[in-house]
């Protein structure tokens, strides 16, 4: 795990001092992270993710054992970080766009559930989603409410 952090740093052609300066920590902190003697806090993990252009989950995995990794990270689930709403526009994190193959200018549909939150999906996939949704037993499929609404 600590070897991976060192490898990322070296691939970025950075010294421990370079990384420490960029993160506003001591070189000794970086050395301890790389040796496995300590781990960065969650804020520093976010900074590492940005510096090395990887997800915060990838950074977390660097500091976990294999057993912890298997328990912590669900398959196909992501936390990409924050989105920013400015002038009624949402800015998506680059990593989210890469993982889901979203291209600049692509049209997305915003779906919402008061209890579960918001979701985005490509406009090109909405027809199959609506068909699947309308055929679901709890909506328009085999089970109807008592009033046949």
C-alpha atoms as a PDB file:
ATOM      1  CA  UNK A   1       0.000   0.000   0.000  1.00  0.00           C
ATOM      2  CA  UNK A   2       2.658   2.544   0.943  1.00  0.00           C
ATOM      3  CA  UNK A   3       4.678   1.419  -2.086  1.00  0.00           C
ATOM      4  CA  UNK A   4       1.793   2.478  -4.306  1.00  0.00           C
ATOM      5  CA  UNK A   5       1.800   5.998  -2.898  1.00  0.00           C
ATOM      6  CA  UNK A   6       5.541   6.208  -3.477  1.00  0.00           C
ATOM      7  CA  UNK A   7       5.070   4.863  -7.004  1.00  0.00           C
ATOM      8  CA  UNK A   8       2.372   7.460  -7.756  1.00  0.00           C
ATOM      9  CA  UNK A   9       4.622  10.214  -6.454  1.00  0.00           C
ATOM     10  CA  UNK A  10       7.583   9.014  -8.500  1.00  0.00           C
ATOM     11  CA  UNK A  11       5.485   8.635 -11.660  1.00  0.00           C
ATOM     12  CA  UNK A  12       4.459  12.256 -11.169  1.00  0.00           C
ATOM     13  CA  UNK A  13       8.188  13.081 -10.986  1.00  0.00           C
ATOM     14  CA  UNK A  14       7.818  14.536  -7.515  1.00  0.00           C
ATOM     15  CA  UNK A  15      10.093  14.269  -4.525  1.00  0.00           C
ATOM     16  CA  UNK A  16       8.699  13.829  -1.038  1.00  0.00           C
ATOM     17  CA  UNK A  17       9.509  17.502  -0.497  1.00  0.00           C
ATOM     18  CA  UNK A  18       7.612  18.497  -3.667  1.00  0.00           C
ATOM     19  CA  UNK A  19       4.525  16.601  -2.542  1.00  0.00           C
ATOM     20  CA  UNK A  20       4.801  17.892   1.019  1.00  0.00           C
ATOM     21  CA  UNK A  21       5.052  21.484  -0.178  1.00  0.00           C
ATOM     22  CA  UNK A  22       2.084  21.092  -2.478  1.00  0.00           C
ATOM     23  CA  UNK A  23       0.011  19.653   0.386  1.00  0.00           C
ATOM     24  CA  UNK A  24       1.278  22.046   3.042  1.00  0.00           C
ATOM     25  CA  UNK A  25       2.663  19.242   5.239  1.00  0.00           C
ATOM     26  CA  UNK A  26       6.170  18.263   6.266  1.00  0.00           C
ATOM     27  CA  UNK A  27       8.364  15.951   4.216  1.00  0.00           C
ATOM     28  CA  UNK A  28       8.345  13.666   7.259  1.00  0.00           C
ATOM     29  CA  UNK A  29       4.551  13.334   6.990  1.00  0.00           C
ATOM     30  CA  UNK A  30       4.859  12.149   3.404  1.00  0.00           C
ATOM     31  CA  UNK A  31       7.671   9.772   4.424  1.00  0.00           C
ATOM     32  CA  UNK A  32       5.473   8.322   7.197  1.00  0.00           C
ATOM     33  CA  UNK A  33       2.576   7.813   4.783  1.00  0.00           C
ATOM     34  CA  UNK A  34       4.880   6.043   2.346  1.00  0.00           C
ATOM     35  CA  UNK A  35       6.395   3.859   5.066  1.00  0.00           C
ATOM     36  CA  UNK A  36       2.996   2.947   6.501  1.00  0.00           C
ATOM     37  CA  UNK A  37       3.788   4.534   9.878  1.00  0.00           C
ATOM     38  CA  UNK A  38       0.791   6.888   9.572  1.00  0.00           C
ATOM     39  CA  UNK A  39      -2.067   7.749   7.243  1.00  0.00           C
ATOM     40  CA  UNK A  40      -3.256  11.136   6.016  1.00  0.00           C
ATOM     41  CA  UNK A  41      -6.535  12.572   7.289  1.00  0.00           C
ATOM     42  CA  UNK A  42      -9.561  12.637   4.993  1.00  0.00           C
ATOM     43  CA  UNK A  43      -8.859  16.194   3.782  1.00  0.00           C
ATOM     44  CA  UNK A  44      -5.303  15.251   2.810  1.00  0.00           C
ATOM     45  CA  UNK A  45      -6.631  12.099   1.098  1.00  0.00           C
ATOM     46  CA  UNK A  46      -8.836  14.358  -1.029  1.00  0.00           C
ATOM     47  CA  UNK A  47      -5.818  16.485  -1.901  1.00  0.00           C
ATOM     48  CA  UNK A  48      -3.794  13.391  -2.824  1.00  0.00           C
ATOM     49  CA  UNK A  49      -6.617  12.225  -5.085  1.00  0.00           C
ATOM     50  CA  UNK A  50      -6.619  15.554  -6.926  1.00  0.00           C
ATOM     51  CA  UNK A  51      -2.844  15.674  -7.228  1.00  0.00           C
ATOM     52  CA  UNK A  52      -2.622  12.165  -8.693  1.00  0.00           C
ATOM     53  CA  UNK A  53      -5.897  12.451 -10.676  1.00  0.00           C
ATOM     54  CA  UNK A  54      -7.500   9.401  -9.054  1.00  0.00           C
ATOM     55  CA  UNK A  55     -10.617   8.914  -6.938  1.00  0.00           C
ATOM     56  CA  UNK A  56     -10.694   9.342  -3.192  1.00  0.00           C
ATOM     57  CA  UNK A  57     -11.673   5.654  -3.039  1.00  0.00           C
ATOM     58  CA  UNK A  58      -8.402   4.802  -4.760  1.00  0.00           C
ATOM     59  CA  UNK A  59      -6.520   6.830  -2.155  1.00  0.00           C
ATOM     60  CA  UNK A  60      -8.418   5.144   0.685  1.00  0.00           C
ATOM     61  CA  UNK A  61      -7.525   1.766  -0.773  1.00  0.00           C
ATOM     62  CA  UNK A  62      -3.837   2.696  -0.589  1.00  0.00           C
ATOM     63  CA  UNK A  63      -4.059   2.837   3.181  1.00  0.00           C
ATOM     64  CA  UNK A  64      -6.253  -0.239   3.771  1.00  0.00           C
ATOM     65  CA  UNK A  65      -5.386  -3.895   3.921  1.00  0.00           C
ATOM     66  CA  UNK A  66      -6.998  -6.252   1.398  1.00  0.00           C
ATOM     67  CA  UNK A  67      -9.581  -7.507   3.930  1.00  0.00           C
ATOM     68  CA  UNK A  68     -10.599  -3.958   4.828  1.00  0.00           C
ATOM     69  CA  UNK A  69     -10.821  -3.093   1.140  1.00  0.00           C
ATOM     70  CA  UNK A  70     -13.200  -5.965   0.430  1.00  0.00           C
ATOM     71  CA  UNK A  71     -15.516  -4.853   3.246  1.00  0.00           C
ATOM     72  CA  UNK A  72     -15.462  -1.140   2.535  1.00  0.00           C
ATOM     73  CA  UNK A  73     -15.805  -0.602  -1.190  1.00  0.00           C
ATOM     74  CA  UNK A  74     -19.029  -1.826  -2.815  1.00  0.00           C
ATOM     75  CA  UNK A  75     -18.693  -2.805  -6.457  1.00  0.00           C
ATOM     76  CA  UNK A  76     -19.897  -0.258  -9.008  1.00  0.00           C
ATOM     77  CA  UNK A  77     -20.608   2.377  -6.347  1.00  0.00           C
ATOM     78  CA  UNK A  78     -18.715   5.663  -6.309  1.00  0.00           C
ATOM     79  CA  UNK A  79     -18.283   8.820  -4.292  1.00  0.00           C
ATOM     80  CA  UNK A  80     -16.907  11.369  -6.704  1.00  0.00           C
ATOM     81  CA  UNK A  81     -16.884  14.362  -4.410  1.00  0.00           C
ATOM     82  CA  UNK A  82     -18.816  17.540  -4.652  1.00  0.00           C
ATOM     83  CA  UNK A  83     -20.730  19.022  -7.563  1.00  0.00           C
ATOM     84  CA  UNK A  84     -21.190  22.754  -7.815  1.00  0.00           C
ATOM     85  CA  UNK A  85     -24.402  24.479  -8.866  1.00  0.00           C
ATOM     86  CA  UNK A  86     -23.679  27.860 -10.425  1.00  0.00           C
ATOM     87  CA  UNK A  87     -26.192  29.890 -12.401  1.00  0.00           C
ATOM     88  CA  UNK A  88     -28.544  26.871 -12.486  1.00  0.00           C
ATOM     89  CA  UNK A  89     -25.798  24.636 -13.932  1.00  0.00           C
ATOM     90  CA  UNK A  90     -24.230  21.576 -12.306  1.00  0.00           C
ATOM     91  CA  UNK A  91     -20.502  21.011 -12.710  1.00  0.00           C
ATOM     92  CA  UNK A  92     -19.671  17.304 -12.593  1.00  0.00           C
ATOM     93  CA  UNK A  93     -16.314  16.005 -11.356  1.00  0.00           C
ATOM     94  CA  UNK A  94     -14.004  14.901 -14.179  1.00  0.00           C
ATOM     95  CA  UNK A  95     -13.715  11.404 -12.701  1.00  0.00           C
ATOM     96  CA  UNK A  96     -17.520  10.946 -12.778  1.00  0.00           C
ATOM     97  CA  UNK A  97     -17.580  11.971 -16.414  1.00  0.00           C
ATOM     98  CA  UNK A  98     -14.750   9.554 -17.221  1.00  0.00           C
ATOM     99  CA  UNK A  99     -16.251   6.570 -15.375  1.00  0.00           C
ATOM    100  CA  UNK A 100     -19.696   7.028 -16.940  1.00  0.00           C
ATOM    101  CA  UNK A 101     -18.461   8.082 -20.375  1.00  0.00           C
ATOM    102  CA  UNK A 102     -20.184  11.479 -20.243  1.00  0.00           C
ATOM    103  CA  UNK A 103     -18.937  13.841 -22.923  1.00  0.00           C
ATOM    104  CA  UNK A 104     -18.903  17.632 -22.804  1.00  0.00           C
ATOM    105  CA  UNK A 105     -22.248  18.952 -24.081  1.00  0.00           C
ATOM    106  CA  UNK A 106     -24.069  15.628 -23.667  1.00  0.00           C
ATOM    107  CA  UNK A 107     -27.699  15.950 -22.612  1.00  0.00           C
ATOM    108  CA  UNK A 108     -28.580  14.377 -19.275  1.00  0.00           C
ATOM    109  CA  UNK A 109     -31.950  13.865 -17.594  1.00  0.00           C
ATOM    110  CA  UNK A 110     -32.284  14.753 -13.910  1.00  0.00           C
ATOM    111  CA  UNK A 111     -34.423  12.311 -11.920  1.00  0.00           C
ATOM    112  CA  UNK A 112     -35.452  12.852  -8.319  1.00  0.00           C
ATOM    113  CA  UNK A 113     -36.892  11.076  -5.304  1.00  0.00           C
ATOM    114  CA  UNK A 114     -37.640  13.152  -2.199  1.00  0.00           C
ATOM    115  CA  UNK A 115     -36.334  10.409   0.097  1.00  0.00           C
ATOM    116  CA  UNK A 116     -33.395   9.130  -1.971  1.00  0.00           C
ATOM    117  CA  UNK A 117     -32.098  12.204  -3.762  1.00  0.00           C
ATOM    118  CA  UNK A 118     -31.226  13.095  -7.332  1.00  0.00           C
ATOM    119  CA  UNK A 119     -29.832  11.043 -10.197  1.00  0.00           C
ATOM    120  CA  UNK A 120     -28.579  11.882 -13.670  1.00  0.00           C
ATOM    121  CA  UNK A 121     -28.837   9.665 -16.709  1.00  0.00           C
ATOM    122  CA  UNK A 122     -28.013  10.152 -20.375  1.00  0.00           C
ATOM    123  CA  UNK A 123     -30.971  11.319 -22.446  1.00  0.00           C
ATOM    124  CA  UNK A 124     -30.152   8.511 -24.900  1.00  0.00           C
ATOM    125  CA  UNK A 125     -30.999   5.919 -22.193  1.00  0.00           C
ATOM    126  CA  UNK A 126     -34.284   7.447 -21.023  1.00  0.00           C
ATOM    127  CA  UNK A 127     -36.590   5.437 -23.315  1.00  0.00           C
ATOM    128  CA  UNK A 128     -35.399   2.081 -21.971  1.00  0.00           C
ATOM    129  CA  UNK A 129     -35.528   3.451 -18.402  1.00  0.00           C
ATOM    130  CA  UNK A 130     -39.146   4.618 -18.791  1.00  0.00           C
ATOM    131  CA  UNK A 131     -40.139   1.260 -20.294  1.00  0.00           C
ATOM    132  CA  UNK A 132     -38.510  -0.630 -17.410  1.00  0.00           C
ATOM    133  CA  UNK A 133     -39.987   1.793 -14.849  1.00  0.00           C
ATOM    134  CA  UNK A 134     -43.529   1.591 -16.240  1.00  0.00           C
ATOM    135  CA  UNK A 135     -43.424  -2.214 -16.262  1.00  0.00           C
ATOM    136  CA  UNK A 136     -42.270  -2.441 -12.644  1.00  0.00           C
ATOM    137  CA  UNK A 137     -44.835  -4.196 -10.386  1.00  0.00           C
ATOM    138  CA  UNK A 138     -45.104  -1.218  -8.063  1.00  0.00           C
ATOM    139  CA  UNK A 139     -45.848   1.231 -10.864  1.00  0.00           C
ATOM    140  CA  UNK A 140     -47.587   0.122 -14.019  1.00  0.00           C
ATOM    141  CA  UNK A 141     -46.801  -3.585 -14.250  1.00  0.00           C
ATOM    142  CA  UNK A 142     -48.682  -6.417 -12.594  1.00  0.00           C
ATOM    143  CA  UNK A 143     -49.601  -4.948  -9.184  1.00  0.00           C
ATOM    144  CA  UNK A 144     -51.902  -1.917  -9.049  1.00  0.00           C
ATOM    145  CA  UNK A 145     -53.175  -0.033  -6.060  1.00  0.00           C
ATOM    146  CA  UNK A 146     -56.666  -0.798  -4.734  1.00  0.00           C
ATOM    147  CA  UNK A 147     -58.255   2.120  -6.570  1.00  0.00           C
ATOM    148  CA  UNK A 148     -56.847   0.982  -9.949  1.00  0.00           C
ATOM    149  CA  UNK A 149     -55.238   4.419 -10.385  1.00  0.00           C
END
